N, C-alpha and C. Protein backbone atom coordinates (compact mmCIF):
# COMPACT_ATOMS: atom_id res chain seq x y z
N MET A 1 -3.34 -14.97 -36.99
CA MET A 1 -3.57 -13.98 -35.96
C MET A 1 -3.00 -14.48 -34.63
N ASN A 2 -2.39 -13.60 -33.89
CA ASN A 2 -1.80 -13.95 -32.61
C ASN A 2 -2.88 -14.20 -31.56
N ASP A 3 -2.52 -14.97 -30.54
CA ASP A 3 -3.42 -15.22 -29.41
C ASP A 3 -3.65 -13.92 -28.67
N ILE A 4 -4.89 -13.50 -28.58
CA ILE A 4 -5.21 -12.21 -27.97
C ILE A 4 -4.85 -12.17 -26.48
N PHE A 5 -4.73 -13.32 -25.84
CA PHE A 5 -4.44 -13.36 -24.41
C PHE A 5 -2.96 -13.58 -24.09
N SER A 6 -2.10 -13.57 -25.10
CA SER A 6 -0.67 -13.78 -24.86
C SER A 6 0.14 -12.56 -25.25
N GLY A 7 1.18 -12.31 -24.47
CA GLY A 7 2.12 -11.26 -24.76
C GLY A 7 3.49 -11.86 -25.02
N GLU A 8 4.53 -11.09 -24.78
CA GLU A 8 5.89 -11.58 -24.96
C GLU A 8 6.35 -12.41 -23.77
N LEU A 9 5.81 -12.12 -22.58
CA LEU A 9 6.24 -12.79 -21.35
C LEU A 9 5.12 -13.52 -20.62
N VAL A 10 3.89 -13.09 -20.84
CA VAL A 10 2.77 -13.63 -20.05
C VAL A 10 1.62 -14.08 -20.93
N ARG A 11 0.77 -14.87 -20.31
CA ARG A 11 -0.51 -15.26 -20.90
C ARG A 11 -1.56 -15.04 -19.83
N LEU A 12 -2.67 -14.43 -20.23
CA LEU A 12 -3.80 -14.26 -19.32
C LEU A 12 -4.64 -15.53 -19.41
N SER A 13 -5.02 -16.06 -18.26
CA SER A 13 -5.77 -17.31 -18.26
C SER A 13 -6.82 -17.30 -17.16
N ALA A 14 -7.65 -18.31 -17.21
CA ALA A 14 -8.69 -18.49 -16.21
C ALA A 14 -8.31 -19.66 -15.31
N VAL A 15 -7.34 -19.44 -14.44
CA VAL A 15 -6.94 -20.45 -13.47
C VAL A 15 -8.09 -20.62 -12.49
N PRO A 16 -8.39 -21.83 -12.04
CA PRO A 16 -9.46 -21.98 -11.04
C PRO A 16 -9.23 -21.05 -9.86
N SER A 17 -10.31 -20.45 -9.37
CA SER A 17 -10.18 -19.45 -8.31
C SER A 17 -9.56 -20.01 -7.04
N SER A 18 -9.67 -21.32 -6.80
CA SER A 18 -9.05 -21.90 -5.60
C SER A 18 -7.52 -21.79 -5.69
N GLU A 19 -6.98 -21.90 -6.90
CA GLU A 19 -5.53 -21.78 -7.06
C GLU A 19 -5.05 -20.36 -6.78
N ILE A 20 -5.77 -19.36 -7.31
CA ILE A 20 -5.37 -17.98 -7.05
C ILE A 20 -5.58 -17.65 -5.58
N ALA A 21 -6.60 -18.21 -4.95
CA ALA A 21 -6.83 -17.95 -3.52
C ALA A 21 -5.68 -18.49 -2.68
N ARG A 22 -5.20 -19.68 -2.98
CA ARG A 22 -4.06 -20.24 -2.24
C ARG A 22 -2.80 -19.40 -2.46
N ALA A 23 -2.55 -19.03 -3.70
CA ALA A 23 -1.36 -18.22 -4.01
C ALA A 23 -1.47 -16.85 -3.35
N TYR A 24 -2.63 -16.25 -3.42
CA TYR A 24 -2.83 -14.92 -2.83
C TYR A 24 -2.62 -14.97 -1.32
N ALA A 25 -3.09 -16.02 -0.67
CA ALA A 25 -2.88 -16.16 0.78
C ALA A 25 -1.39 -16.24 1.09
N GLU A 26 -0.64 -16.90 0.23
CA GLU A 26 0.82 -16.98 0.41
C GLU A 26 1.46 -15.61 0.21
N TRP A 27 1.11 -14.93 -0.87
CA TRP A 27 1.67 -13.59 -1.14
C TRP A 27 1.27 -12.60 -0.06
N ASN A 28 0.09 -12.81 0.50
CA ASN A 28 -0.47 -11.93 1.52
C ASN A 28 0.40 -11.87 2.78
N ARG A 29 1.24 -12.86 2.96
CA ARG A 29 2.13 -12.88 4.14
C ARG A 29 3.28 -11.89 4.01
N ASP A 30 3.50 -11.39 2.81
CA ASP A 30 4.58 -10.43 2.55
C ASP A 30 4.03 -9.01 2.74
N SER A 31 4.46 -8.35 3.80
CA SER A 31 3.90 -7.03 4.11
C SER A 31 4.25 -5.99 3.04
N GLU A 32 5.39 -6.13 2.36
CA GLU A 32 5.71 -5.18 1.30
C GLU A 32 4.72 -5.33 0.14
N PHE A 33 4.41 -6.56 -0.21
CA PHE A 33 3.39 -6.80 -1.24
C PHE A 33 2.08 -6.14 -0.84
N LYS A 34 1.66 -6.33 0.40
CA LYS A 34 0.39 -5.77 0.87
C LYS A 34 0.42 -4.24 0.85
N ARG A 35 1.52 -3.64 1.20
CA ARG A 35 1.61 -2.18 1.20
C ARG A 35 1.45 -1.61 -0.21
N PHE A 36 2.00 -2.29 -1.18
CA PHE A 36 1.89 -1.81 -2.56
C PHE A 36 0.55 -2.16 -3.20
N LEU A 37 -0.10 -3.20 -2.71
CA LEU A 37 -1.35 -3.65 -3.32
C LEU A 37 -2.45 -2.60 -3.23
N ASP A 38 -2.60 -2.01 -2.07
CA ASP A 38 -3.61 -0.96 -1.91
C ASP A 38 -3.22 -0.08 -0.74
N SER A 39 -4.06 0.88 -0.44
CA SER A 39 -3.73 1.84 0.62
C SER A 39 -4.39 1.49 1.94
N ASP A 40 -5.10 0.37 2.00
CA ASP A 40 -5.72 -0.04 3.25
C ASP A 40 -4.66 -0.51 4.24
N PRO A 41 -4.99 -0.50 5.53
CA PRO A 41 -4.05 -1.05 6.51
C PRO A 41 -3.74 -2.52 6.17
N VAL A 42 -2.51 -2.92 6.39
CA VAL A 42 -2.08 -4.29 6.09
C VAL A 42 -2.83 -5.26 6.99
N ARG A 43 -3.46 -6.26 6.38
CA ARG A 43 -4.19 -7.31 7.10
C ARG A 43 -3.86 -8.64 6.46
N LEU A 44 -4.00 -9.69 7.24
CA LEU A 44 -3.81 -11.04 6.71
C LEU A 44 -5.17 -11.66 6.40
N TYR A 45 -5.23 -12.42 5.32
CA TYR A 45 -6.46 -13.10 4.93
C TYR A 45 -6.15 -14.57 4.69
N SER A 46 -7.08 -15.44 5.04
CA SER A 46 -6.92 -16.86 4.77
C SER A 46 -7.30 -17.14 3.32
N SER A 47 -6.86 -18.28 2.82
CA SER A 47 -7.23 -18.63 1.44
C SER A 47 -8.74 -18.82 1.34
N ARG A 48 -9.39 -19.29 2.41
CA ARG A 48 -10.84 -19.45 2.39
C ARG A 48 -11.54 -18.09 2.29
N GLY A 49 -11.05 -17.10 3.03
CA GLY A 49 -11.63 -15.76 2.96
C GLY A 49 -11.44 -15.14 1.59
N ILE A 50 -10.26 -15.34 1.02
CA ILE A 50 -9.99 -14.82 -0.32
C ILE A 50 -10.88 -15.52 -1.35
N GLN A 51 -11.03 -16.84 -1.19
CA GLN A 51 -11.90 -17.61 -2.09
C GLN A 51 -13.33 -17.09 -2.04
N ALA A 52 -13.84 -16.84 -0.84
CA ALA A 52 -15.21 -16.35 -0.69
C ALA A 52 -15.37 -14.98 -1.34
N TRP A 53 -14.40 -14.10 -1.13
CA TRP A 53 -14.46 -12.76 -1.74
C TRP A 53 -14.46 -12.86 -3.26
N LEU A 54 -13.55 -13.68 -3.78
CA LEU A 54 -13.43 -13.82 -5.23
C LEU A 54 -14.69 -14.41 -5.85
N ASP A 55 -15.24 -15.46 -5.24
CA ASP A 55 -16.46 -16.07 -5.75
C ASP A 55 -17.61 -15.06 -5.78
N LYS A 56 -17.73 -14.28 -4.71
CA LYS A 56 -18.79 -13.28 -4.63
C LYS A 56 -18.60 -12.20 -5.70
N LYS A 57 -17.37 -11.74 -5.86
CA LYS A 57 -17.07 -10.70 -6.85
C LYS A 57 -17.37 -11.19 -8.27
N LEU A 58 -16.93 -12.39 -8.58
CA LEU A 58 -17.13 -12.92 -9.93
C LEU A 58 -18.60 -13.18 -10.22
N GLU A 59 -19.35 -13.60 -9.21
CA GLU A 59 -20.78 -13.88 -9.40
C GLU A 59 -21.60 -12.60 -9.51
N SER A 60 -21.32 -11.63 -8.65
CA SER A 60 -22.15 -10.43 -8.60
C SER A 60 -21.90 -9.47 -9.76
N GLU A 61 -20.72 -9.53 -10.34
CA GLU A 61 -20.38 -8.58 -11.40
C GLU A 61 -19.97 -9.28 -12.69
N ALA A 62 -20.57 -10.43 -12.94
CA ALA A 62 -20.13 -11.27 -14.05
C ALA A 62 -20.11 -10.55 -15.40
N GLU A 63 -21.10 -9.72 -15.68
CA GLU A 63 -21.15 -9.08 -16.99
C GLU A 63 -20.22 -7.88 -17.12
N ASN A 64 -19.82 -7.31 -16.02
CA ASN A 64 -19.02 -6.08 -16.05
C ASN A 64 -17.62 -6.24 -15.49
N PHE A 65 -17.26 -7.44 -15.07
CA PHE A 65 -15.98 -7.66 -14.41
C PHE A 65 -15.24 -8.78 -15.13
N PHE A 66 -14.10 -8.44 -15.72
CA PHE A 66 -13.29 -9.41 -16.45
C PHE A 66 -12.04 -9.69 -15.62
N PHE A 67 -11.92 -10.91 -15.13
CA PHE A 67 -10.83 -11.28 -14.22
C PHE A 67 -9.94 -12.31 -14.91
N PHE A 68 -8.65 -12.05 -14.90
CA PHE A 68 -7.69 -12.97 -15.51
C PHE A 68 -6.55 -13.24 -14.54
N ASN A 69 -6.04 -14.44 -14.59
CA ASN A 69 -4.82 -14.74 -13.87
C ASN A 69 -3.65 -14.51 -14.82
N ILE A 70 -2.56 -14.05 -14.27
CA ILE A 70 -1.35 -13.78 -15.04
C ILE A 70 -0.42 -14.97 -14.87
N CYS A 71 -0.05 -15.61 -15.97
CA CYS A 71 0.85 -16.76 -15.92
C CYS A 71 2.03 -16.51 -16.85
N THR A 72 3.18 -17.08 -16.48
CA THR A 72 4.33 -16.96 -17.37
C THR A 72 4.01 -17.68 -18.67
N LEU A 73 4.50 -17.15 -19.76
CA LEU A 73 4.21 -17.72 -21.07
C LEU A 73 4.88 -19.09 -21.23
N LYS A 74 6.12 -19.21 -20.77
CA LYS A 74 6.87 -20.45 -20.98
C LYS A 74 6.46 -21.57 -20.02
N GLU A 75 6.36 -21.27 -18.71
CA GLU A 75 6.12 -22.33 -17.73
C GLU A 75 4.68 -22.40 -17.24
N SER A 76 3.84 -21.44 -17.63
CA SER A 76 2.45 -21.35 -17.14
C SER A 76 2.39 -21.23 -15.62
N ARG A 77 3.40 -20.58 -15.04
CA ARG A 77 3.46 -20.38 -13.59
C ARG A 77 2.63 -19.16 -13.22
N LEU A 78 1.81 -19.29 -12.19
CA LEU A 78 0.94 -18.21 -11.74
C LEU A 78 1.76 -17.08 -11.13
N LEU A 79 1.55 -15.85 -11.63
CA LEU A 79 2.28 -14.67 -11.15
C LEU A 79 1.40 -13.70 -10.38
N GLY A 80 0.12 -13.66 -10.71
CA GLY A 80 -0.78 -12.69 -10.09
C GLY A 80 -2.09 -12.64 -10.83
N ASP A 81 -2.75 -11.49 -10.76
CA ASP A 81 -4.01 -11.34 -11.48
C ASP A 81 -4.18 -9.92 -11.98
N VAL A 82 -5.08 -9.78 -12.93
CA VAL A 82 -5.41 -8.48 -13.51
C VAL A 82 -6.91 -8.50 -13.79
N ASN A 83 -7.55 -7.36 -13.61
CA ASN A 83 -8.98 -7.31 -13.89
C ASN A 83 -9.35 -6.01 -14.58
N LEU A 84 -10.44 -6.09 -15.26
CA LEU A 84 -11.00 -4.96 -15.99
C LEU A 84 -12.44 -4.83 -15.52
N ASP A 85 -12.76 -3.71 -14.91
CA ASP A 85 -14.09 -3.47 -14.35
C ASP A 85 -14.77 -2.40 -15.20
N LEU A 86 -15.79 -2.80 -15.95
CA LEU A 86 -16.50 -1.84 -16.81
C LEU A 86 -17.32 -0.91 -15.92
N VAL A 87 -16.90 0.32 -15.82
CA VAL A 87 -17.58 1.27 -14.95
C VAL A 87 -18.70 2.00 -15.69
N ASN A 88 -18.63 2.04 -17.00
CA ASN A 88 -19.67 2.72 -17.76
C ASN A 88 -19.72 2.14 -19.17
N ARG A 89 -20.69 1.27 -19.40
CA ARG A 89 -20.83 0.65 -20.72
C ARG A 89 -21.19 1.67 -21.80
N TYR A 90 -22.00 2.66 -21.44
CA TYR A 90 -22.45 3.65 -22.41
C TYR A 90 -21.27 4.45 -22.97
N SER A 91 -20.39 4.91 -22.10
CA SER A 91 -19.24 5.68 -22.59
C SER A 91 -18.02 4.79 -22.86
N ARG A 92 -18.18 3.48 -22.66
CA ARG A 92 -17.15 2.48 -22.96
C ARG A 92 -15.84 2.75 -22.22
N GLU A 93 -15.95 2.79 -20.90
CA GLU A 93 -14.75 2.98 -20.11
C GLU A 93 -14.67 1.94 -19.01
N ALA A 94 -13.44 1.61 -18.64
CA ALA A 94 -13.20 0.58 -17.63
C ALA A 94 -12.04 1.00 -16.74
N PHE A 95 -11.99 0.35 -15.61
CA PHE A 95 -10.95 0.58 -14.62
C PHE A 95 -10.16 -0.71 -14.47
N VAL A 96 -8.85 -0.62 -14.41
CA VAL A 96 -8.01 -1.81 -14.34
C VAL A 96 -7.35 -1.93 -12.96
N GLY A 97 -7.19 -3.17 -12.52
CA GLY A 97 -6.43 -3.48 -11.31
C GLY A 97 -5.47 -4.61 -11.63
N ILE A 98 -4.27 -4.54 -11.11
CA ILE A 98 -3.25 -5.55 -11.42
C ILE A 98 -2.39 -5.80 -10.20
N MET A 99 -1.93 -7.03 -10.05
CA MET A 99 -0.94 -7.33 -9.02
C MET A 99 -0.08 -8.51 -9.44
N ILE A 100 1.21 -8.34 -9.21
CA ILE A 100 2.18 -9.44 -9.34
C ILE A 100 2.53 -9.82 -7.91
N GLY A 101 2.19 -11.03 -7.52
CA GLY A 101 2.26 -11.41 -6.12
C GLY A 101 3.63 -11.69 -5.54
N ASP A 102 4.44 -12.43 -6.25
CA ASP A 102 5.75 -12.85 -5.73
C ASP A 102 6.78 -11.76 -6.00
N ARG A 103 7.34 -11.19 -4.93
CA ARG A 103 8.31 -10.10 -5.11
C ARG A 103 9.54 -10.52 -5.91
N ASN A 104 9.83 -11.81 -5.97
CA ASN A 104 10.96 -12.29 -6.79
C ASN A 104 10.69 -12.10 -8.28
N GLU A 105 9.45 -11.85 -8.64
CA GLU A 105 9.08 -11.66 -10.04
C GLU A 105 8.89 -10.19 -10.40
N TRP A 106 9.09 -9.30 -9.45
CA TRP A 106 8.98 -7.86 -9.72
C TRP A 106 10.19 -7.41 -10.55
N ASN A 107 10.02 -6.35 -11.28
CA ASN A 107 11.09 -5.75 -12.10
C ASN A 107 11.57 -6.64 -13.24
N LYS A 108 10.70 -7.51 -13.72
CA LYS A 108 11.07 -8.39 -14.83
C LYS A 108 10.23 -8.12 -16.08
N GLY A 109 9.38 -7.10 -16.03
CA GLY A 109 8.57 -6.74 -17.19
C GLY A 109 7.22 -7.43 -17.27
N TYR A 110 6.90 -8.28 -16.29
CA TYR A 110 5.63 -9.00 -16.34
C TYR A 110 4.43 -8.05 -16.23
N GLY A 111 4.52 -7.05 -15.37
CA GLY A 111 3.41 -6.11 -15.21
C GLY A 111 3.14 -5.32 -16.47
N THR A 112 4.20 -4.80 -17.07
CA THR A 112 4.05 -4.02 -18.30
C THR A 112 3.48 -4.89 -19.42
N ASP A 113 3.99 -6.10 -19.57
CA ASP A 113 3.50 -6.99 -20.62
C ASP A 113 2.04 -7.35 -20.38
N THR A 114 1.68 -7.59 -19.13
CA THR A 114 0.29 -7.90 -18.79
C THR A 114 -0.63 -6.76 -19.19
N LEU A 115 -0.23 -5.54 -18.87
CA LEU A 115 -1.06 -4.38 -19.22
C LEU A 115 -1.18 -4.21 -20.72
N ARG A 116 -0.13 -4.49 -21.45
CA ARG A 116 -0.21 -4.40 -22.92
C ARG A 116 -1.20 -5.42 -23.48
N VAL A 117 -1.18 -6.63 -22.94
CA VAL A 117 -2.13 -7.66 -23.38
C VAL A 117 -3.55 -7.25 -23.01
N LEU A 118 -3.73 -6.77 -21.79
CA LEU A 118 -5.06 -6.37 -21.34
C LEU A 118 -5.60 -5.20 -22.16
N LEU A 119 -4.75 -4.23 -22.46
CA LEU A 119 -5.20 -3.10 -23.27
C LEU A 119 -5.56 -3.53 -24.69
N ARG A 120 -4.80 -4.46 -25.25
CA ARG A 120 -5.14 -4.98 -26.58
C ARG A 120 -6.53 -5.62 -26.54
N TYR A 121 -6.80 -6.39 -25.51
CA TYR A 121 -8.11 -7.02 -25.34
C TYR A 121 -9.20 -5.96 -25.16
N ALA A 122 -8.93 -4.98 -24.30
CA ALA A 122 -9.92 -3.93 -24.00
C ALA A 122 -10.28 -3.12 -25.23
N PHE A 123 -9.28 -2.77 -26.02
CA PHE A 123 -9.53 -1.87 -27.15
C PHE A 123 -9.93 -2.59 -28.43
N THR A 124 -9.42 -3.80 -28.66
CA THR A 124 -9.75 -4.48 -29.91
C THR A 124 -10.91 -5.46 -29.77
N GLU A 125 -11.06 -6.08 -28.63
CA GLU A 125 -12.13 -7.07 -28.44
C GLU A 125 -13.38 -6.45 -27.81
N LEU A 126 -13.19 -5.66 -26.76
CA LEU A 126 -14.32 -5.04 -26.06
C LEU A 126 -14.69 -3.68 -26.64
N ASN A 127 -13.85 -3.16 -27.51
CA ASN A 127 -14.07 -1.86 -28.15
C ASN A 127 -14.27 -0.74 -27.14
N LEU A 128 -13.47 -0.75 -26.08
CA LEU A 128 -13.55 0.31 -25.08
C LEU A 128 -12.93 1.59 -25.63
N ARG A 129 -13.29 2.70 -25.06
CA ARG A 129 -12.77 4.00 -25.45
C ARG A 129 -11.68 4.47 -24.49
N ARG A 130 -11.79 4.10 -23.22
CA ARG A 130 -10.85 4.57 -22.19
C ARG A 130 -10.64 3.46 -21.16
N VAL A 131 -9.39 3.34 -20.70
CA VAL A 131 -9.06 2.47 -19.57
C VAL A 131 -8.30 3.33 -18.57
N SER A 132 -8.72 3.26 -17.31
CA SER A 132 -8.14 4.10 -16.26
C SER A 132 -7.65 3.24 -15.11
N LEU A 133 -6.86 3.86 -14.24
CA LEU A 133 -6.39 3.22 -13.02
C LEU A 133 -5.94 4.29 -12.04
N THR A 134 -5.72 3.87 -10.81
CA THR A 134 -5.07 4.75 -9.84
C THR A 134 -3.81 4.06 -9.34
N VAL A 135 -2.84 4.86 -8.96
CA VAL A 135 -1.60 4.32 -8.41
C VAL A 135 -1.23 5.14 -7.18
N ASN A 136 -0.77 4.43 -6.17
CA ASN A 136 -0.33 5.09 -4.94
C ASN A 136 1.00 5.79 -5.19
N GLY A 137 1.14 7.00 -4.71
CA GLY A 137 2.35 7.78 -4.93
C GLY A 137 3.60 7.14 -4.37
N TYR A 138 3.45 6.20 -3.44
CA TYR A 138 4.61 5.52 -2.85
C TYR A 138 4.99 4.25 -3.62
N ASN A 139 4.43 4.07 -4.81
CA ASN A 139 4.73 2.89 -5.61
C ASN A 139 5.31 3.28 -6.97
N PRO A 140 6.57 3.77 -6.99
CA PRO A 140 7.16 4.21 -8.26
C PRO A 140 7.34 3.08 -9.27
N ARG A 141 7.50 1.85 -8.80
CA ARG A 141 7.66 0.71 -9.71
C ARG A 141 6.39 0.55 -10.57
N ALA A 142 5.24 0.62 -9.93
CA ALA A 142 3.98 0.50 -10.67
C ALA A 142 3.79 1.68 -11.62
N LEU A 143 4.13 2.87 -11.16
CA LEU A 143 4.00 4.06 -12.00
C LEU A 143 4.80 3.91 -13.29
N ARG A 144 6.03 3.40 -13.19
CA ARG A 144 6.86 3.18 -14.39
C ARG A 144 6.23 2.15 -15.32
N ALA A 145 5.72 1.06 -14.75
CA ALA A 145 5.09 0.01 -15.57
C ALA A 145 3.87 0.56 -16.31
N TYR A 146 3.08 1.36 -15.63
CA TYR A 146 1.88 1.93 -16.26
C TYR A 146 2.26 2.87 -17.39
N GLU A 147 3.27 3.70 -17.16
CA GLU A 147 3.71 4.62 -18.21
C GLU A 147 4.26 3.86 -19.42
N LYS A 148 5.03 2.79 -19.17
CA LYS A 148 5.57 1.99 -20.27
C LYS A 148 4.47 1.34 -21.10
N ALA A 149 3.36 1.00 -20.43
CA ALA A 149 2.23 0.36 -21.12
C ALA A 149 1.36 1.37 -21.87
N GLY A 150 1.62 2.67 -21.67
CA GLY A 150 0.89 3.69 -22.41
C GLY A 150 -0.02 4.59 -21.60
N PHE A 151 -0.12 4.35 -20.29
CA PHE A 151 -0.96 5.20 -19.45
C PHE A 151 -0.30 6.56 -19.24
N LYS A 152 -1.14 7.59 -19.15
CA LYS A 152 -0.65 8.95 -18.90
C LYS A 152 -1.30 9.48 -17.63
N PRO A 153 -0.54 10.25 -16.82
CA PRO A 153 -1.15 10.87 -15.63
C PRO A 153 -2.27 11.81 -16.06
N GLU A 154 -3.41 11.72 -15.36
CA GLU A 154 -4.55 12.58 -15.68
C GLU A 154 -5.01 13.42 -14.50
N GLY A 155 -4.58 13.05 -13.32
CA GLY A 155 -5.00 13.81 -12.15
C GLY A 155 -4.30 13.30 -10.91
N ARG A 156 -4.44 14.05 -9.86
CA ARG A 156 -3.74 13.71 -8.63
C ARG A 156 -4.58 14.19 -7.45
N LEU A 157 -4.82 13.30 -6.51
CA LEU A 157 -5.44 13.69 -5.24
C LEU A 157 -4.29 13.84 -4.25
N ARG A 158 -3.96 15.06 -3.96
CA ARG A 158 -2.79 15.34 -3.13
C ARG A 158 -3.02 14.89 -1.69
N GLU A 159 -2.01 14.21 -1.16
CA GLU A 159 -1.99 13.73 0.22
C GLU A 159 -3.27 12.98 0.59
N ASN A 160 -3.78 12.18 -0.34
CA ASN A 160 -5.02 11.45 -0.13
C ASN A 160 -4.82 10.13 0.61
N LEU A 161 -3.60 9.62 0.64
CA LEU A 161 -3.31 8.33 1.24
C LEU A 161 -2.42 8.49 2.46
N LEU A 162 -2.63 7.63 3.44
CA LEU A 162 -1.79 7.61 4.62
C LEU A 162 -1.12 6.24 4.70
N ARG A 163 0.19 6.22 4.68
CA ARG A 163 0.94 4.97 4.76
C ARG A 163 2.12 5.20 5.68
N GLU A 164 2.18 4.42 6.76
CA GLU A 164 3.27 4.47 7.73
C GLU A 164 3.51 5.88 8.25
N GLY A 165 2.42 6.58 8.55
CA GLY A 165 2.50 7.90 9.16
C GLY A 165 2.81 9.04 8.21
N LYS A 166 2.87 8.76 6.92
CA LYS A 166 3.19 9.80 5.94
C LYS A 166 2.05 9.91 4.91
N ARG A 167 1.80 11.12 4.46
CA ARG A 167 0.77 11.37 3.45
C ARG A 167 1.36 11.24 2.05
N TRP A 168 0.59 10.61 1.17
CA TRP A 168 1.01 10.36 -0.21
C TRP A 168 -0.09 10.76 -1.17
N ASP A 169 0.29 11.11 -2.38
CA ASP A 169 -0.68 11.42 -3.42
C ASP A 169 -1.24 10.13 -4.02
N GLU A 170 -2.47 10.21 -4.49
CA GLU A 170 -3.08 9.15 -5.29
C GLU A 170 -3.15 9.69 -6.72
N ILE A 171 -2.56 8.96 -7.65
CA ILE A 171 -2.41 9.44 -9.01
C ILE A 171 -3.38 8.70 -9.93
N TYR A 172 -4.15 9.46 -10.68
CA TYR A 172 -5.07 8.89 -11.67
C TYR A 172 -4.37 8.88 -13.02
N MET A 173 -4.49 7.74 -13.70
CA MET A 173 -3.87 7.59 -15.01
C MET A 173 -4.89 6.98 -15.97
N GLY A 174 -4.69 7.23 -17.25
CA GLY A 174 -5.59 6.66 -18.23
C GLY A 174 -4.94 6.56 -19.59
N VAL A 175 -5.57 5.78 -20.43
CA VAL A 175 -5.14 5.66 -21.83
C VAL A 175 -6.40 5.60 -22.68
N LEU A 176 -6.39 6.34 -23.77
CA LEU A 176 -7.51 6.38 -24.70
C LEU A 176 -7.26 5.43 -25.86
N ARG A 177 -8.33 4.89 -26.39
CA ARG A 177 -8.23 3.93 -27.49
C ARG A 177 -7.44 4.51 -28.67
N ASP A 178 -7.75 5.72 -29.09
CA ASP A 178 -7.08 6.31 -30.25
C ASP A 178 -5.58 6.44 -30.05
N GLU A 179 -5.15 6.89 -28.87
CA GLU A 179 -3.71 7.04 -28.65
C GLU A 179 -3.03 5.69 -28.51
N TRP A 180 -3.72 4.71 -27.95
CA TRP A 180 -3.15 3.37 -27.84
C TRP A 180 -3.02 2.74 -29.23
N MET A 181 -4.08 2.87 -30.04
CA MET A 181 -4.07 2.29 -31.39
C MET A 181 -2.95 2.90 -32.24
N ALA A 182 -2.68 4.18 -32.05
CA ALA A 182 -1.63 4.85 -32.83
C ALA A 182 -0.25 4.26 -32.54
N GLY A 183 -0.04 3.75 -31.34
CA GLY A 183 1.26 3.19 -30.97
C GLY A 183 1.32 1.68 -30.93
N TRP A 184 0.21 1.02 -31.21
CA TRP A 184 0.13 -0.43 -31.11
C TRP A 184 0.91 -1.11 -32.21
N LYS A 185 1.73 -2.09 -31.80
CA LYS A 185 2.48 -2.91 -32.77
C LYS A 185 1.66 -4.16 -33.06
N GLN A 186 1.16 -4.27 -34.25
CA GLN A 186 0.28 -5.41 -34.57
C GLN A 186 1.06 -6.65 -34.86
């Protein structure tokens, strides 16, 4: 049986949170990275502030929050992180968040491969029924990666986001276990 945490390009791992905090503080200096990360105004954070946030998040939501660091399969180099937040255990659904921090690693398939690994874990190990996410309308790169991983658009909040003086849609996407299993290459 294959390693459930490895894909073709990446491996999901539990890197110590201090390492991700230092890397995140470095990536945080790139305003383009910050603009794509979320729709909040761009702000700088110290590695100590990021460490405190991460420790609090992991402690307070330990049973419902699955956090992984994304590392290259060959070199074990840290690329970013991905998380799965169980929003409803009864209906078996979760929300995913992902980021590839270093812009030099964008457009290389790491995001798509990460999502494929995470979905395999979500559907085969956690037995989830649905995994959802939102994507900012100004981030076509992420939209393509999500579609390649099997997510389908499910809804749109028109002009819900404000970025650099312009209104953008927020797009809701999801993938169901049955449709993912039908296309899964074992």
